[in-house]
């Protein structure tokens, strides 16, 4: 049976984390290795998952942020396939098996995401996040980040080839990472919603700042991906200018973030 590592970086231990872990451990069709990276928080031995043999706890002595915590978790894993999950989201029990099967059948693909259902603080379904689906959604990555980070399952070899997540980035590290691995082959989004993405008041409401290293990194990544898939350089730059303008509008709440639409 295929082994899949699931990485959950977290800076809090609460019921939402318990639910996220429980949903991963309920996965079927694969052997799960769950790596929980505790970002500057102590281990709570009383949690129901703390002594589960499928769970590997990686404590970090101080808060280093999600990007470093994610790299730490991936590098602690020992499987060929690695999946990502936020500590307040939930997975469908068939998610890992379906995504691993897709990569088995598409050896040229470095990663796969899925459609996503949106839930509220009480886990009630509030709608579906608008995302493109198909075996190669790379052209849509030239418009925006069209792969939900919590839905991402990638080959460890693809992670190693690009050097993992860029630890200089504190925002948009997921978009930058996906753009870089996408240059090696098709990125898929499965049409079945396999993630329940929680929208709640504790999230950052204004989104990423419209200036900074993350904007420059994503801009470079989009241009490099466009060249690798043969997209029009002129049209790509037009899309990039529109995307940069959209970041200002989102930051000032003149348009709603994608996960809210």
C-alpha atoms as a PDB file:
ATOM      1  CA  UNK A   1       0.000   0.000   0.000  1.00  0.00           C
ATOM      2  CA  UNK A   2       1.248   3.497  -0.880  1.00  0.00           C
ATOM      3  CA  UNK A   3       2.712   5.521   1.978  1.00  0.00           C
ATOM      4  CA  UNK A   4       1.892   9.232   2.143  1.00  0.00           C
ATOM      5  CA  UNK A   5       3.256  11.761   4.616  1.00  0.00           C
ATOM      6  CA  UNK A   6       0.915  14.569   5.661  1.00  0.00           C
ATOM      7  CA  UNK A   7       2.524  17.697   7.111  1.00  0.00           C
ATOM      8  CA  UNK A   8       0.571  19.890   9.528  1.00  0.00           C
ATOM      9  CA  UNK A   9       2.522  22.882  10.854  1.00  0.00           C
ATOM     10  CA  UNK A  10       0.783  24.598  13.772  1.00  0.00           C
ATOM     11  CA  UNK A  11       1.363  27.252  16.420  1.00  0.00           C
ATOM     12  CA  UNK A  12      -1.640  26.236  18.506  1.00  0.00           C
ATOM     13  CA  UNK A  13      -3.220  23.090  19.927  1.00  0.00           C
ATOM     14  CA  UNK A  14      -7.004  23.132  20.045  1.00  0.00           C
ATOM     15  CA  UNK A  15     -10.113  21.268  18.954  1.00  0.00           C
ATOM     16  CA  UNK A  16      -9.689  22.319  15.313  1.00  0.00           C
ATOM     17  CA  UNK A  17      -6.244  20.736  15.264  1.00  0.00           C
ATOM     18  CA  UNK A  18      -7.673  17.584  16.869  1.00  0.00           C
ATOM     19  CA  UNK A  19     -10.336  17.457  14.152  1.00  0.00           C
ATOM     20  CA  UNK A  20      -7.792  18.016  11.373  1.00  0.00           C
ATOM     21  CA  UNK A  21      -5.583  15.204  12.685  1.00  0.00           C
ATOM     22  CA  UNK A  22      -8.557  12.895  13.186  1.00  0.00           C
ATOM     23  CA  UNK A  23      -9.614  13.471   9.569  1.00  0.00           C
ATOM     24  CA  UNK A  24      -6.129  12.555   8.316  1.00  0.00           C
ATOM     25  CA  UNK A  25      -5.948   9.402  10.445  1.00  0.00           C
ATOM     26  CA  UNK A  26      -9.319   8.335   9.019  1.00  0.00           C
ATOM     27  CA  UNK A  27      -7.807   8.210   5.513  1.00  0.00           C
ATOM     28  CA  UNK A  28      -8.314   4.990   3.607  1.00  0.00           C
ATOM     29  CA  UNK A  29      -6.451   3.301   0.789  1.00  0.00           C
ATOM     30  CA  UNK A  30      -2.979   4.498   1.873  1.00  0.00           C
ATOM     31  CA  UNK A  31      -0.603   4.163   4.803  1.00  0.00           C
ATOM     32  CA  UNK A  32      -0.509   7.535   6.543  1.00  0.00           C
ATOM     33  CA  UNK A  33       2.501   9.065   8.237  1.00  0.00           C
ATOM     34  CA  UNK A  34       1.323  12.266   9.908  1.00  0.00           C
ATOM     35  CA  UNK A  35       4.023  14.804  10.767  1.00  0.00           C
ATOM     36  CA  UNK A  36       2.792  17.483  13.187  1.00  0.00           C
ATOM     37  CA  UNK A  37       5.254  20.367  13.456  1.00  0.00           C
ATOM     38  CA  UNK A  38       4.735  22.282  16.711  1.00  0.00           C
ATOM     39  CA  UNK A  39       5.953  25.772  15.896  1.00  0.00           C
ATOM     40  CA  UNK A  40       7.233  27.099  19.196  1.00  0.00           C
ATOM     41  CA  UNK A  41       4.596  25.423  21.373  1.00  0.00           C
ATOM     42  CA  UNK A  42       4.996  22.524  23.835  1.00  0.00           C
ATOM     43  CA  UNK A  43       3.782  18.994  23.245  1.00  0.00           C
ATOM     44  CA  UNK A  44       0.432  18.244  24.882  1.00  0.00           C
ATOM     45  CA  UNK A  45       0.615  14.591  25.838  1.00  0.00           C
ATOM     46  CA  UNK A  46      -3.074  14.563  26.736  1.00  0.00           C
ATOM     47  CA  UNK A  47      -4.245  14.925  23.130  1.00  0.00           C
ATOM     48  CA  UNK A  48      -5.857  11.764  21.733  1.00  0.00           C
ATOM     49  CA  UNK A  49      -3.326  11.598  18.881  1.00  0.00           C
ATOM     50  CA  UNK A  50      -0.152  12.221  20.882  1.00  0.00           C
ATOM     51  CA  UNK A  51       0.725   8.530  21.245  1.00  0.00           C
ATOM     52  CA  UNK A  52      -0.683   7.293  17.931  1.00  0.00           C
ATOM     53  CA  UNK A  53       2.114   5.352  16.162  1.00  0.00           C
ATOM     54  CA  UNK A  54       1.147   6.982  12.847  1.00  0.00           C
ATOM     55  CA  UNK A  55       1.854  10.461  14.238  1.00  0.00           C
ATOM     56  CA  UNK A  56       5.349  11.921  14.384  1.00  0.00           C
ATOM     57  CA  UNK A  57       5.583  15.086  16.471  1.00  0.00           C
ATOM     58  CA  UNK A  58       8.348  17.526  15.549  1.00  0.00           C
ATOM     59  CA  UNK A  59       8.657  20.246  18.224  1.00  0.00           C
ATOM     60  CA  UNK A  60      10.455  23.473  17.346  1.00  0.00           C
ATOM     61  CA  UNK A  61      11.894  25.351  20.355  1.00  0.00           C
ATOM     62  CA  UNK A  62      10.752  28.748  19.087  1.00  0.00           C
ATOM     63  CA  UNK A  63       8.216  30.112  16.640  1.00  0.00           C
ATOM     64  CA  UNK A  64       9.819  30.150  13.188  1.00  0.00           C
ATOM     65  CA  UNK A  65       6.753  30.687  11.011  1.00  0.00           C
ATOM     66  CA  UNK A  66       4.850  28.472   8.629  1.00  0.00           C
ATOM     67  CA  UNK A  67       7.425  28.432   5.818  1.00  0.00           C
ATOM     68  CA  UNK A  68      10.298  27.108   7.926  1.00  0.00           C
ATOM     69  CA  UNK A  69       7.951  24.789   9.821  1.00  0.00           C
ATOM     70  CA  UNK A  70       6.684  23.307   6.560  1.00  0.00           C
ATOM     71  CA  UNK A  71      10.219  22.690   5.266  1.00  0.00           C
ATOM     72  CA  UNK A  72      11.125  21.090   8.580  1.00  0.00           C
ATOM     73  CA  UNK A  73       8.149  18.768   8.372  1.00  0.00           C
ATOM     74  CA  UNK A  74       8.806  17.700   4.787  1.00  0.00           C
ATOM     75  CA  UNK A  75      12.477  17.036   5.510  1.00  0.00           C
ATOM     76  CA  UNK A  76      11.476  14.907   8.510  1.00  0.00           C
ATOM     77  CA  UNK A  77       9.294  12.764   6.255  1.00  0.00           C
ATOM     78  CA  UNK A  78      10.494   9.574   4.578  1.00  0.00           C
ATOM     79  CA  UNK A  79       7.902   8.925   1.859  1.00  0.00           C
ATOM     80  CA  UNK A  80       7.858   9.630  -1.861  1.00  0.00           C
ATOM     81  CA  UNK A  81       4.516  11.456  -1.657  1.00  0.00           C
ATOM     82  CA  UNK A  82       3.934  14.377   0.696  1.00  0.00           C
ATOM     83  CA  UNK A  83       0.659  16.188   1.385  1.00  0.00           C
ATOM     84  CA  UNK A  84      -0.029  19.517   3.062  1.00  0.00           C
ATOM     85  CA  UNK A  85      -2.844  20.426   5.456  1.00  0.00           C
ATOM     86  CA  UNK A  86      -3.616  23.524   7.497  1.00  0.00           C
ATOM     87  CA  UNK A  87      -4.278  22.864  11.170  1.00  0.00           C
ATOM     88  CA  UNK A  88      -7.906  24.038  10.959  1.00  0.00           C
ATOM     89  CA  UNK A  89      -8.940  22.249   7.740  1.00  0.00           C
ATOM     90  CA  UNK A  90     -10.379  18.767   7.187  1.00  0.00           C
ATOM     91  CA  UNK A  91      -9.672  16.073   4.592  1.00  0.00           C
ATOM     92  CA  UNK A  92     -11.954  13.642   2.818  1.00  0.00           C
ATOM     93  CA  UNK A  93     -11.036  10.048   3.761  1.00  0.00           C
ATOM     94  CA  UNK A  94     -10.330   9.264   0.081  1.00  0.00           C
ATOM     95  CA  UNK A  95      -8.206  12.348  -0.573  1.00  0.00           C
ATOM     96  CA  UNK A  96      -4.751  10.837  -0.228  1.00  0.00           C
ATOM     97  CA  UNK A  97      -5.567   7.646  -2.126  1.00  0.00           C
ATOM     98  CA  UNK A  98      -7.115   9.524  -5.045  1.00  0.00           C
ATOM     99  CA  UNK A  99      -4.267  12.012  -5.302  1.00  0.00           C
ATOM    100  CA  UNK A 100      -1.564   9.360  -4.955  1.00  0.00           C
ATOM    101  CA  UNK A 101      -3.304   7.336  -7.660  1.00  0.00           C
ATOM    102  CA  UNK A 102      -3.291  10.383  -9.944  1.00  0.00           C
ATOM    103  CA  UNK A 103       0.463  10.808  -9.552  1.00  0.00           C
ATOM    104  CA  UNK A 104       0.952   7.056 -10.075  1.00  0.00           C
ATOM    105  CA  UNK A 105      -0.901   7.334 -13.379  1.00  0.00           C
ATOM    106  CA  UNK A 106       0.775  10.612 -14.416  1.00  0.00           C
ATOM    107  CA  UNK A 107       4.522  10.163 -13.819  1.00  0.00           C
ATOM    108  CA  UNK A 108       5.264  13.519 -15.472  1.00  0.00           C
ATOM    109  CA  UNK A 109       3.162  15.422 -12.920  1.00  0.00           C
ATOM    110  CA  UNK A 110       4.951  16.769  -9.825  1.00  0.00           C
ATOM    111  CA  UNK A 111       1.850  17.666  -7.818  1.00  0.00           C
ATOM    112  CA  UNK A 112      -1.916  17.518  -7.564  1.00  0.00           C
ATOM    113  CA  UNK A 113      -4.552  19.547  -5.734  1.00  0.00           C
ATOM    114  CA  UNK A 114      -8.327  19.275  -5.638  1.00  0.00           C
ATOM    115  CA  UNK A 115     -11.586  21.142  -5.516  1.00  0.00           C
ATOM    116  CA  UNK A 116     -12.331  22.623  -2.095  1.00  0.00           C
ATOM    117  CA  UNK A 117     -15.442  23.069   0.040  1.00  0.00           C
ATOM    118  CA  UNK A 118     -15.634  26.065   2.356  1.00  0.00           C
ATOM    119  CA  UNK A 119     -16.797  25.599   5.981  1.00  0.00           C
ATOM    120  CA  UNK A 120     -17.371  27.997   8.871  1.00  0.00           C
ATOM    121  CA  UNK A 121     -16.178  27.984  12.480  1.00  0.00           C
ATOM    122  CA  UNK A 122     -18.727  25.285  13.329  1.00  0.00           C
ATOM    123  CA  UNK A 123     -17.744  23.056  10.368  1.00  0.00           C
ATOM    124  CA  UNK A 124     -20.932  23.913   8.487  1.00  0.00           C
ATOM    125  CA  UNK A 125     -20.594  23.921   4.695  1.00  0.00           C
ATOM    126  CA  UNK A 126     -20.964  27.426   3.261  1.00  0.00           C
ATOM    127  CA  UNK A 127     -20.080  26.816  -0.388  1.00  0.00           C
ATOM    128  CA  UNK A 128     -17.330  25.735  -2.743  1.00  0.00           C
ATOM    129  CA  UNK A 129     -14.178  27.727  -3.501  1.00  0.00           C
ATOM    130  CA  UNK A 130     -14.040  28.602  -7.203  1.00  0.00           C
ATOM    131  CA  UNK A 131     -11.025  26.717  -8.588  1.00  0.00           C
ATOM    132  CA  UNK A 132     -10.269  25.285 -12.033  1.00  0.00           C
ATOM    133  CA  UNK A 133      -9.963  21.521 -12.330  1.00  0.00           C
ATOM    134  CA  UNK A 134      -8.231  19.246 -14.823  1.00  0.00           C
ATOM    135  CA  UNK A 135      -5.033  17.330 -15.453  1.00  0.00           C
ATOM    136  CA  UNK A 136      -3.005  20.477 -16.218  1.00  0.00           C
ATOM    137  CA  UNK A 137      -4.147  23.784 -14.758  1.00  0.00           C
ATOM    138  CA  UNK A 138      -0.767  25.522 -15.167  1.00  0.00           C
ATOM    139  CA  UNK A 139      -2.106  28.213 -17.550  1.00  0.00           C
ATOM    140  CA  UNK A 140      -4.447  29.373 -14.773  1.00  0.00           C
ATOM    141  CA  UNK A 141      -1.475  29.820 -12.438  1.00  0.00           C
ATOM    142  CA  UNK A 142      -0.493  32.748 -14.669  1.00  0.00           C
ATOM    143  CA  UNK A 143      -3.674  34.475 -13.468  1.00  0.00           C
ATOM    144  CA  UNK A 144      -3.620  33.652  -9.746  1.00  0.00           C
ATOM    145  CA  UNK A 145      -2.863  30.872  -7.278  1.00  0.00           C
ATOM    146  CA  UNK A 146      -5.421  28.292  -8.355  1.00  0.00           C
ATOM    147  CA  UNK A 147      -4.228  25.433  -6.121  1.00  0.00           C
ATOM    148  CA  UNK A 148      -5.478  25.451  -2.533  1.00  0.00           C
ATOM    149  CA  UNK A 149      -2.417  24.882  -0.372  1.00  0.00           C
ATOM    150  CA  UNK A 150      -4.234  22.517   1.996  1.00  0.00           C
ATOM    151  CA  UNK A 151      -5.172  20.343  -0.986  1.00  0.00           C
ATOM    152  CA  UNK A 152      -1.625  19.987  -2.327  1.00  0.00           C
ATOM    153  CA  UNK A 153       0.051  16.581  -2.599  1.00  0.00           C
ATOM    154  CA  UNK A 154       3.477  16.570  -4.252  1.00  0.00           C
ATOM    155  CA  UNK A 155       6.396  14.313  -4.996  1.00  0.00           C
ATOM    156  CA  UNK A 156       9.223  14.586  -2.491  1.00  0.00           C
ATOM    157  CA  UNK A 157      11.603  14.583  -5.460  1.00  0.00           C
ATOM    158  CA  UNK A 158       9.918  17.745  -6.813  1.00  0.00           C
ATOM    159  CA  UNK A 159      10.309  19.425  -3.417  1.00  0.00           C
ATOM    160  CA  UNK A 160      14.002  18.524  -3.281  1.00  0.00           C
ATOM    161  CA  UNK A 161      14.601  19.626  -6.879  1.00  0.00           C
ATOM    162  CA  UNK A 162      13.500  23.213  -6.169  1.00  0.00           C
ATOM    163  CA  UNK A 163      14.965  23.409  -2.658  1.00  0.00           C
ATOM    164  CA  UNK A 164      11.625  23.378  -0.863  1.00  0.00           C
ATOM    165  CA  UNK A 165       9.713  26.453   0.208  1.00  0.00           C
ATOM    166  CA  UNK A 166      11.593  29.756   0.072  1.00  0.00           C
ATOM    167  CA  UNK A 167      12.247  30.534   3.745  1.00  0.00           C
ATOM    168  CA  UNK A 168      12.794  34.213   2.962  1.00  0.00           C
ATOM    169  CA  UNK A 169       9.059  34.509   2.212  1.00  0.00           C
ATOM    170  CA  UNK A 170       6.516  35.064   4.961  1.00  0.00           C
ATOM    171  CA  UNK A 171       3.615  35.456   2.546  1.00  0.00           C
ATOM    172  CA  UNK A 172       2.666  33.699  -0.720  1.00  0.00           C
ATOM    173  CA  UNK A 173       5.241  31.002  -0.048  1.00  0.00           C
ATOM    174  CA  UNK A 174       2.727  28.444  -1.299  1.00  0.00           C
ATOM    175  CA  UNK A 175       2.143  30.250  -4.613  1.00  0.00           C
ATOM    176  CA  UNK A 176       5.885  30.667  -5.145  1.00  0.00           C
ATOM    177  CA  UNK A 177       6.476  26.968  -4.411  1.00  0.00           C
ATOM    178  CA  UNK A 178       3.754  25.791  -6.793  1.00  0.00           C
ATOM    179  CA  UNK A 179       5.026  28.065  -9.572  1.00  0.00           C
ATOM    180  CA  UNK A 180       8.527  26.630  -9.213  1.00  0.00           C
ATOM    181  CA  UNK A 181       7.542  22.960  -9.218  1.00  0.00           C
ATOM    182  CA  UNK A 182       5.075  23.576 -12.075  1.00  0.00           C
ATOM    183  CA  UNK A 183       8.001  24.189 -14.425  1.00  0.00           C
ATOM    184  CA  UNK A 184       8.807  20.448 -14.208  1.00  0.00           C
ATOM    185  CA  UNK A 185       5.416  19.167 -15.369  1.00  0.00           C
ATOM    186  CA  UNK A 186       1.608  19.398 -15.270  1.00  0.00           C
ATOM    187  CA  UNK A 187      -0.165  20.411 -12.062  1.00  0.00           C
ATOM    188  CA  UNK A 188      -3.624  18.861 -11.652  1.00  0.00           C
ATOM    189  CA  UNK A 189      -6.691  19.779  -9.622  1.00  0.00           C
ATOM    190  CA  UNK A 190      -9.058  16.853  -9.110  1.00  0.00           C
ATOM    191  CA  UNK A 191     -12.742  17.790  -9.570  1.00  0.00           C
ATOM    192  CA  UNK A 192     -13.959  16.067  -6.408  1.00  0.00           C
ATOM    193  CA  UNK A 193     -13.830  18.341  -3.338  1.00  0.00           C
ATOM    194  CA  UNK A 194     -11.318  16.609  -1.068  1.00  0.00           C
ATOM    195  CA  UNK A 195     -10.655  19.431   1.406  1.00  0.00           C
ATOM    196  CA  UNK A 196     -12.906  21.351   3.758  1.00  0.00           C
ATOM    197  CA  UNK A 197     -11.339  24.776   4.086  1.00  0.00           C
ATOM    198  CA  UNK A 198     -12.264  26.618   7.259  1.00  0.00           C
ATOM    199  CA  UNK A 199     -12.978  30.335   7.021  1.00  0.00           C
ATOM    200  CA  UNK A 200     -13.017  32.005  10.424  1.00  0.00           C
ATOM    201  CA  UNK A 201     -12.466  35.302  12.192  1.00  0.00           C
ATOM    202  CA  UNK A 202      -8.953  34.399  13.326  1.00  0.00           C
ATOM    203  CA  UNK A 203      -7.591  34.428   9.794  1.00  0.00           C
ATOM    204  CA  UNK A 204      -5.726  37.387   8.348  1.00  0.00           C
ATOM    205  CA  UNK A 205      -8.496  39.471   6.842  1.00  0.00           C
ATOM    206  CA  UNK A 206      -6.522  41.768   4.589  1.00  0.00           C
ATOM    207  CA  UNK A 207      -4.436  39.170   2.831  1.00  0.00           C
ATOM    208  CA  UNK A 208      -0.862  39.627   1.669  1.00  0.00           C
ATOM    209  CA  UNK A 209       0.728  43.045   1.558  1.00  0.00           C
ATOM    210  CA  UNK A 210       0.842  44.415  -2.010  1.00  0.00           C
ATOM    211  CA  UNK A 211       4.583  45.106  -1.956  1.00  0.00           C
ATOM    212  CA  UNK A 212       7.590  43.099  -0.882  1.00  0.00           C
ATOM    213  CA  UNK A 213       9.809  40.121  -1.584  1.00  0.00           C
ATOM    214  CA  UNK A 214       6.817  37.788  -2.003  1.00  0.00           C
ATOM    215  CA  UNK A 215       5.342  39.920  -4.808  1.00  0.00           C
ATOM    216  CA  UNK A 216       8.685  39.975  -6.618  1.00  0.00           C
ATOM    217  CA  UNK A 217       9.182  36.212  -6.176  1.00  0.00           C
ATOM    218  CA  UNK A 218       5.734  35.359  -7.530  1.00  0.00           C
ATOM    219  CA  UNK A 219       6.173  37.776 -10.432  1.00  0.00           C
ATOM    220  CA  UNK A 220       9.427  36.077 -11.422  1.00  0.00           C
ATOM    221  CA  UNK A 221       7.858  32.659 -10.976  1.00  0.00           C
ATOM    222  CA  UNK A 222       4.935  33.509 -13.259  1.00  0.00           C
ATOM    223  CA  UNK A 223       7.240  34.789 -15.986  1.00  0.00           C
ATOM    224  CA  UNK A 224       9.456  31.696 -15.760  1.00  0.00           C
ATOM    225  CA  UNK A 225       6.456  29.346 -15.818  1.00  0.00           C
ATOM    226  CA  UNK A 226       5.058  31.180 -18.853  1.00  0.00           C
ATOM    227  CA  UNK A 227       8.327  30.612 -20.713  1.00  0.00           C
ATOM    228  CA  UNK A 228       8.413  26.937 -19.781  1.00  0.00           C
ATOM    229  CA  UNK A 229       4.877  26.235 -21.070  1.00  0.00           C
ATOM    230  CA  UNK A 230       5.165  28.474 -24.137  1.00  0.00           C
ATOM    231  CA  UNK A 231       2.652  31.123 -23.072  1.00  0.00           C
ATOM    232  CA  UNK A 232       2.648  34.515 -24.758  1.00  0.00           C
ATOM    233  CA  UNK A 233       5.156  36.777 -22.966  1.00  0.00           C
ATOM    234  CA  UNK A 234       3.150  39.895 -23.810  1.00  0.00           C
ATOM    235  CA  UNK A 235      -0.107  38.463 -22.499  1.00  0.00           C
ATOM    236  CA  UNK A 236       1.686  37.118 -19.439  1.00  0.00           C
ATOM    237  CA  UNK A 237       2.981  40.584 -18.568  1.00  0.00           C
ATOM    238  CA  UNK A 238      -0.495  42.059 -19.016  1.00  0.00           C
ATOM    239  CA  UNK A 239      -1.912  39.430 -16.638  1.00  0.00           C
ATOM    240  CA  UNK A 240       0.914  40.108 -14.207  1.00  0.00           C
ATOM    241  CA  UNK A 241       0.193  43.840 -14.157  1.00  0.00           C
ATOM    242  CA  UNK A 242      -3.484  43.124 -13.508  1.00  0.00           C
ATOM    243  CA  UNK A 243      -2.568  40.703 -10.704  1.00  0.00           C
ATOM    244  CA  UNK A 244      -0.294  43.252  -9.047  1.00  0.00           C
ATOM    245  CA  UNK A 245      -3.102  45.832  -9.147  1.00  0.00           C
ATOM    246  CA  UNK A 246      -5.487  43.271  -7.667  1.00  0.00           C
ATOM    247  CA  UNK A 247      -3.207  42.834  -4.648  1.00  0.00           C
ATOM    248  CA  UNK A 248      -3.712  46.503  -3.763  1.00  0.00           C
ATOM    249  CA  UNK A 249      -7.490  46.166  -4.142  1.00  0.00           C
ATOM    250  CA  UNK A 250      -7.585  43.036  -2.002  1.00  0.00           C
ATOM    251  CA  UNK A 251      -5.372  44.523   0.683  1.00  0.00           C
ATOM    252  CA  UNK A 252      -7.631  47.571   0.978  1.00  0.00           C
ATOM    253  CA  UNK A 253     -10.712  45.303   0.946  1.00  0.00           C
ATOM    254  CA  UNK A 254     -12.058  46.788  -2.277  1.00  0.00           C
ATOM    255  CA  UNK A 255     -12.454  43.229  -3.577  1.00  0.00           C
ATOM    256  CA  UNK A 256     -12.973  40.043  -1.564  1.00  0.00           C
ATOM    257  CA  UNK A 257     -10.209  37.443  -1.274  1.00  0.00           C
ATOM    258  CA  UNK A 258     -10.611  34.374  -3.461  1.00  0.00           C
ATOM    259  CA  UNK A 259     -11.322  31.998  -0.552  1.00  0.00           C
ATOM    260  CA  UNK A 260     -14.346  34.120   0.386  1.00  0.00           C
ATOM    261  CA  UNK A 261     -15.910  34.021  -3.078  1.00  0.00           C
END
